[in-house]
């Protein structure tokens, strides 16, 4: 049976944000989290090329295996913290990592989309709108807790990890992937800014005007970027993240990282896609973007990983275990 439930008092998601709402959210990081992610919910999968087929199943399973190593599978029940549209957990479940799951997010819009995705996939998943610093489940509930690109949104990361350990059963494991490194975030943001400025400036030329999104869409993207700067609260050095997880009470803690050359391509590609009309980008572009990312990821894993310090890679992963089994 597929369960798809949210708490009855959950507020309705807000699909758009006005300039006034953005201004208010700049002063309140949790309001910004809800506003930004509600705004992005219905288009988030498309924006980040998220799917629930073999491509993303392999990606999610690859991140899990890289972080956690070989495990006895499947886990009985898993929780995704800060689920977004459910990308990580739903693809992990399809990849044989867990039998059933729960999703939480501060954004009602994201929980709604995640549960809809789960229902469409026939997966046994329930969901709650919740703050990651106060997870609304009983002690010792889950065998596994996962998250993708979530820890950097949470004001008190150590408190959230304590909550993760509380809801895990003794011996249960957590795996968080997709967190920005401090060094990686610096070069990625600059690459994004440069690409945005170059693309939006060049497409003002008359003979390239059909490559320019309408100004209203560009303005909306700029407001979203302003909110994104507010909701992205942290970057991480892998060693510091290990210390945080250990301080929270985890054992067998290990951080790893990935994407160096791949990030140098990925950020300009994503920014360019946000700045030009979708109809201008066809199959050949998609093949270039995905193929280039895969090739450079191979270079990262098989060559650069052996010579470049782990804190220079863009994505950080962390895993640990609740003691006591």
Protein backbone atom coordinates (compact mmCIF):
# COMPACT_ATOMS: atom_id res chain seq x y z
CA UNK A 1 0.00 0.00 0.00
CA UNK A 2 1.24 3.48 -0.80
CA UNK A 3 0.82 6.03 1.96
CA UNK A 4 0.87 9.70 1.04
CA UNK A 5 -0.10 11.87 4.00
CA UNK A 6 0.66 15.29 5.34
CA UNK A 7 -0.47 16.73 8.64
CA UNK A 8 -3.92 18.32 8.40
CA UNK A 9 -2.77 21.77 9.53
CA UNK A 10 -0.02 22.13 6.96
CA UNK A 11 -0.19 25.55 5.24
CA UNK A 12 -0.83 25.74 1.53
CA UNK A 13 2.31 26.25 -0.57
CA UNK A 14 2.97 29.64 -2.13
CA UNK A 15 3.89 29.16 -5.82
CA UNK A 16 5.33 32.65 -6.39
CA UNK A 17 7.17 35.25 -4.38
CA UNK A 18 6.72 38.98 -4.71
CA UNK A 19 9.50 41.50 -4.26
CA UNK A 20 7.94 42.45 -0.91
CA UNK A 21 7.95 38.85 0.30
CA UNK A 22 11.57 38.46 -0.75
CA UNK A 23 12.48 41.61 1.17
CA UNK A 24 10.79 40.23 4.32
CA UNK A 25 12.45 36.84 3.92
CA UNK A 26 15.90 38.44 3.74
CA UNK A 27 15.48 39.16 7.47
CA UNK A 28 14.25 35.67 8.43
CA UNK A 29 16.17 32.63 7.21
CA UNK A 30 13.42 30.09 7.98
CA UNK A 31 10.78 32.21 6.26
CA UNK A 32 13.20 32.39 3.33
CA UNK A 33 13.50 28.59 3.34
CA UNK A 34 9.75 28.14 3.07
CA UNK A 35 9.28 30.90 0.51
CA UNK A 36 12.15 29.85 -1.72
CA UNK A 37 11.37 26.13 -1.71
CA UNK A 38 7.61 26.59 -2.10
CA UNK A 39 8.42 28.83 -5.05
CA UNK A 40 10.69 26.22 -6.60
CA UNK A 41 8.66 23.10 -5.77
CA UNK A 42 6.67 22.59 -8.97
CA UNK A 43 9.62 23.29 -11.29
CA UNK A 44 12.49 21.99 -9.13
CA UNK A 45 12.85 18.59 -10.81
CA UNK A 46 12.95 20.20 -14.24
CA UNK A 47 15.40 22.91 -13.14
CA UNK A 48 17.91 20.38 -11.77
CA UNK A 49 17.24 17.66 -14.39
CA UNK A 50 15.87 15.34 -11.68
CA UNK A 51 14.13 12.17 -12.79
CA UNK A 52 13.08 8.89 -11.22
CA UNK A 53 14.46 6.58 -13.85
CA UNK A 54 17.68 4.61 -14.24
CA UNK A 55 19.83 7.73 -14.67
CA UNK A 56 18.98 9.24 -11.29
CA UNK A 57 18.54 5.88 -9.54
CA UNK A 58 22.15 5.12 -10.46
CA UNK A 59 23.25 8.59 -9.35
CA UNK A 60 21.52 8.37 -5.94
CA UNK A 61 22.70 4.81 -5.33
CA UNK A 62 26.22 5.83 -6.36
CA UNK A 63 26.26 8.65 -3.80
CA UNK A 64 25.00 6.31 -1.08
CA UNK A 65 27.56 3.62 -1.88
CA UNK A 66 30.39 6.15 -2.08
CA UNK A 67 29.50 7.60 1.32
CA UNK A 68 28.49 4.47 3.24
CA UNK A 69 30.37 1.67 1.51
CA UNK A 70 28.97 -1.84 1.30
CA UNK A 71 25.92 -2.32 3.54
CA UNK A 72 23.45 -5.09 4.27
CA UNK A 73 20.38 -4.11 2.25
CA UNK A 74 17.60 -3.22 2.20
CA UNK A 75 16.93 -1.10 5.27
CA UNK A 76 13.39 -1.53 6.58
CA UNK A 77 12.40 2.11 7.05
CA UNK A 78 14.19 5.28 5.97
CA UNK A 79 13.65 8.98 6.53
CA UNK A 80 14.69 11.75 4.16
CA UNK A 81 15.38 15.01 5.97
CA UNK A 82 14.74 18.16 3.91
CA UNK A 83 13.32 15.96 1.18
CA UNK A 84 12.68 18.56 -1.49
CA UNK A 85 10.82 16.71 -4.23
CA UNK A 86 11.95 13.35 -2.82
CA UNK A 87 14.82 12.92 -5.27
CA UNK A 88 17.25 11.15 -2.95
CA UNK A 89 14.99 8.81 -0.96
CA UNK A 90 12.65 7.85 -3.80
CA UNK A 91 15.54 6.94 -6.07
CA UNK A 92 17.31 5.10 -3.25
CA UNK A 93 14.15 3.09 -2.58
CA UNK A 94 13.93 2.21 -6.27
CA UNK A 95 17.61 1.24 -6.09
CA UNK A 96 16.96 -1.28 -3.31
CA UNK A 97 18.24 0.74 -0.34
CA UNK A 98 15.00 0.84 1.72
CA UNK A 99 11.58 -0.82 1.72
CA UNK A 100 9.49 2.07 3.07
CA UNK A 101 10.10 5.70 3.82
CA UNK A 102 9.08 9.01 5.33
CA UNK A 103 9.86 12.50 4.07
CA UNK A 104 10.06 15.82 5.92
CA UNK A 105 10.68 19.35 4.75
CA UNK A 106 10.08 22.86 6.07
CA UNK A 107 8.37 23.66 2.76
CA UNK A 108 4.77 22.43 2.35
CA UNK A 109 5.16 22.72 -1.40
CA UNK A 110 8.12 20.36 -1.46
CA UNK A 111 6.40 17.76 0.75
CA UNK A 112 3.37 17.89 -1.53
CA UNK A 113 5.48 17.25 -4.64
CA UNK A 114 7.56 14.54 -2.94
CA UNK A 115 4.43 12.63 -1.90
CA UNK A 116 2.96 13.01 -5.38
CA UNK A 117 6.17 11.63 -6.88
CA UNK A 118 6.11 8.71 -4.42
CA UNK A 119 2.49 7.93 -5.27
CA UNK A 120 3.23 8.01 -8.99
CA UNK A 121 6.08 5.56 -8.43
CA UNK A 122 4.00 3.27 -6.22
CA UNK A 123 6.32 3.68 -3.23
CA UNK A 124 5.30 3.31 0.42
CA UNK A 125 6.04 6.82 1.72
CA UNK A 126 4.42 9.21 4.22
CA UNK A 127 5.36 12.85 4.78
CA UNK A 128 5.28 15.67 7.30
CA UNK A 129 6.04 19.38 7.12
CA UNK A 130 8.72 19.75 9.78
CA UNK A 131 11.76 21.62 11.03
CA UNK A 132 14.96 19.57 10.77
CA UNK A 133 15.98 20.72 14.26
CA UNK A 134 12.88 19.14 15.82
CA UNK A 135 12.07 15.99 13.83
CA UNK A 136 8.44 14.94 14.56
CA UNK A 137 9.01 11.21 15.00
CA UNK A 138 9.53 9.05 18.09
CA UNK A 139 12.92 7.86 19.33
CA UNK A 140 14.38 4.78 17.62
CA UNK A 141 11.98 4.90 14.65
CA UNK A 142 14.20 4.61 11.57
CA UNK A 143 16.90 2.25 10.33
CA UNK A 144 18.33 4.88 7.98
CA UNK A 145 18.20 8.67 7.65
CA UNK A 146 19.30 10.31 4.41
CA UNK A 147 19.45 13.78 2.94
CA UNK A 148 20.75 15.48 -0.17
CA UNK A 149 21.84 19.13 -0.16
CA UNK A 150 20.00 19.80 3.11
CA UNK A 151 22.50 20.34 5.94
CA UNK A 152 23.69 23.65 4.50
CA UNK A 153 20.12 25.01 4.86
CA UNK A 154 19.80 24.19 8.59
CA UNK A 155 20.71 26.92 11.11
CA UNK A 156 21.95 24.52 13.82
CA UNK A 157 23.50 21.55 12.02
CA UNK A 158 24.75 19.84 15.17
CA UNK A 159 21.29 20.02 16.78
CA UNK A 160 19.78 18.53 13.64
CA UNK A 161 22.29 15.67 13.70
CA UNK A 162 21.41 15.02 17.35
CA UNK A 163 17.78 14.76 16.25
CA UNK A 164 18.78 12.41 13.44
CA UNK A 165 20.53 10.16 15.96
CA UNK A 166 17.53 10.31 18.29
CA UNK A 167 15.09 9.03 15.65
CA UNK A 168 17.52 6.37 14.42
CA UNK A 169 17.46 2.92 15.96
CA UNK A 170 20.68 1.85 17.72
CA UNK A 171 23.08 0.83 14.96
CA UNK A 172 21.11 2.86 12.41
CA UNK A 173 23.02 4.90 9.83
CA UNK A 174 22.72 8.37 8.36
CA UNK A 175 24.00 9.42 4.94
CA UNK A 176 24.00 13.05 3.78
CA UNK A 177 25.30 13.93 0.32
CA UNK A 178 25.42 16.94 -1.98
CA UNK A 179 26.65 19.47 0.61
CA UNK A 180 28.76 22.38 -0.71
CA UNK A 181 32.38 22.56 0.34
CA UNK A 182 33.75 25.95 1.39
CA UNK A 183 36.33 26.06 -1.40
CA UNK A 184 33.99 24.56 -3.98
CA UNK A 185 31.20 26.98 -3.17
CA UNK A 186 33.56 29.91 -3.73
CA UNK A 187 34.54 28.95 -7.27
CA UNK A 188 31.06 27.65 -8.17
CA UNK A 189 29.36 30.90 -7.19
CA UNK A 190 31.83 32.98 -9.15
CA UNK A 191 31.43 30.76 -12.21
CA UNK A 192 27.66 31.14 -11.93
CA UNK A 193 27.80 34.94 -11.61
CA UNK A 194 30.19 35.30 -14.54
CA UNK A 195 28.05 33.03 -16.75
CA UNK A 196 24.84 34.87 -15.81
CA UNK A 197 26.30 38.31 -16.51
CA UNK A 198 27.88 37.20 -19.79
CA UNK A 199 24.75 35.45 -21.05
CA UNK A 200 22.25 38.18 -20.09
CA UNK A 201 24.55 40.87 -21.54
CA UNK A 202 25.32 39.17 -24.85
CA UNK A 203 21.67 38.26 -25.48
CA UNK A 204 20.78 41.97 -25.42
CA UNK A 205 22.32 42.18 -28.89
CA UNK A 206 19.56 42.42 -31.52
CA UNK A 207 20.66 39.36 -33.52
CA UNK A 208 20.66 37.22 -30.32
CA UNK A 209 17.43 38.56 -28.81
CA UNK A 210 15.57 35.28 -29.39
CA UNK A 211 18.13 33.65 -27.05
CA UNK A 212 17.03 35.95 -24.22
CA UNK A 213 14.31 35.03 -21.76
CA UNK A 214 11.61 37.69 -21.18
CA UNK A 215 12.74 40.30 -18.67
CA UNK A 216 10.00 39.26 -16.24
CA UNK A 217 11.48 35.74 -16.11
CA UNK A 218 15.00 37.10 -15.67
CA UNK A 219 13.78 39.33 -12.84
CA UNK A 220 12.08 36.37 -11.18
CA UNK A 221 15.29 34.35 -11.47
CA UNK A 222 17.18 37.22 -9.87
CA UNK A 223 14.72 37.29 -6.94
CA UNK A 224 15.10 33.53 -6.57
CA UNK A 225 18.90 33.94 -6.57
CA UNK A 226 18.60 36.57 -3.84
CA UNK A 227 16.61 34.14 -1.71
CA UNK A 228 19.01 31.32 -2.50
CA UNK A 229 21.82 33.39 -1.02
CA UNK A 230 19.79 33.62 2.21
CA UNK A 231 18.75 29.96 2.44
CA UNK A 232 22.28 28.67 1.81
CA UNK A 233 23.54 29.15 5.37
CA UNK A 234 26.69 27.03 5.47
CA UNK A 235 29.54 25.57 3.52
CA UNK A 236 31.62 22.73 4.91
CA UNK A 237 35.17 21.57 5.18
CA UNK A 238 35.01 17.74 5.25
CA UNK A 239 37.12 17.52 8.41
CA UNK A 240 34.94 20.08 10.21
CA UNK A 241 31.78 18.21 9.21
CA UNK A 242 33.26 15.03 10.68
CA UNK A 243 33.86 16.87 13.97
CA UNK A 244 30.26 18.15 13.98
CA UNK A 245 28.84 14.65 13.50
CA UNK A 246 31.10 13.20 16.18
CA UNK A 247 30.17 15.97 18.60
CA UNK A 248 26.49 15.20 17.98
CA UNK A 249 27.13 11.64 19.19
CA UNK A 250 27.71 9.61 16.03
CA UNK A 251 30.32 6.89 15.66
CA UNK A 252 32.00 5.46 12.55
CA UNK A 253 31.91 8.97 11.10
CA UNK A 254 33.46 9.51 7.68
CA UNK A 255 33.31 12.41 5.22
CA UNK A 256 34.21 12.16 1.54
CA UNK A 257 33.89 14.48 -1.44
CA UNK A 258 33.38 14.46 -5.19
CA UNK A 259 33.05 16.72 -8.25
CA UNK A 260 35.91 19.05 -8.99
CA UNK A 261 36.29 19.17 -12.77
CA UNK A 262 32.62 18.18 -13.08
CA UNK A 263 31.58 21.19 -10.98
CA UNK A 264 33.65 23.54 -13.13
CA UNK A 265 31.44 22.49 -16.04
CA UNK A 266 28.19 21.95 -14.16
CA UNK A 267 27.73 25.41 -12.66
CA UNK A 268 28.14 27.37 -15.92
CA UNK A 269 25.86 24.86 -17.69
CA UNK A 270 23.07 25.22 -15.10
CA UNK A 271 23.36 29.00 -15.09
CA UNK A 272 23.26 29.20 -18.89
CA UNK A 273 20.14 27.01 -18.91
CA UNK A 274 18.44 29.40 -16.48
CA UNK A 275 19.24 32.43 -18.64
CA UNK A 276 18.12 31.29 -22.11
CA UNK A 277 14.71 30.07 -23.38
CA UNK A 278 14.17 26.36 -22.86
CA UNK A 279 13.18 25.78 -26.49
CA UNK A 280 16.67 26.84 -27.61
CA UNK A 281 18.19 23.88 -25.79
CA UNK A 282 17.52 20.59 -27.51
CA UNK A 283 18.69 17.00 -27.31
CA UNK A 284 22.23 17.80 -28.44
CA UNK A 285 22.64 20.27 -25.58
CA UNK A 286 21.29 17.74 -23.06
CA UNK A 287 23.66 15.11 -24.43
CA UNK A 288 26.60 17.50 -24.15
CA UNK A 289 25.72 18.59 -20.61
CA UNK A 290 25.12 15.10 -19.21
CA UNK A 291 27.91 13.47 -21.20
CA UNK A 292 30.38 16.16 -20.19
CA UNK A 293 29.42 15.81 -16.54
CA UNK A 294 29.82 12.01 -16.66
CA UNK A 295 33.19 12.23 -18.35
CA UNK A 296 34.56 14.80 -15.93
CA UNK A 297 33.12 12.86 -12.98
CA UNK A 298 35.12 9.86 -14.17
CA UNK A 299 38.24 12.05 -14.32
CA UNK A 300 37.50 13.31 -10.81
CA UNK A 301 37.03 9.82 -9.37
CA UNK A 302 39.86 8.06 -11.16
CA UNK A 303 42.50 10.78 -11.50
CA UNK A 304 41.96 14.00 -9.58
CA UNK A 305 40.76 12.31 -6.39
CA UNK A 306 44.28 10.94 -5.96
CA UNK A 307 46.05 14.29 -6.32
CA UNK A 308 43.60 17.05 -5.31
CA UNK A 309 42.82 17.59 -1.59
CA UNK A 310 39.28 16.50 -0.68
CA UNK A 311 38.27 19.99 0.49
CA UNK A 312 38.72 21.34 -3.09
CA UNK A 313 35.92 19.14 -4.44
CA UNK A 314 32.47 20.70 -4.57
CA UNK A 315 30.19 18.05 -3.02
CA UNK A 316 30.76 16.78 0.50
CA UNK A 317 29.18 13.57 1.89
CA UNK A 318 29.00 12.47 5.52
CA UNK A 319 27.95 9.19 7.12
CA UNK A 320 27.80 7.93 10.67
CA UNK A 321 26.09 5.44 12.94
CA UNK A 322 24.05 5.69 16.12
CA UNK A 323 25.91 3.83 18.88
CA UNK A 324 24.41 1.18 21.07
CA UNK A 325 23.53 -1.83 18.95
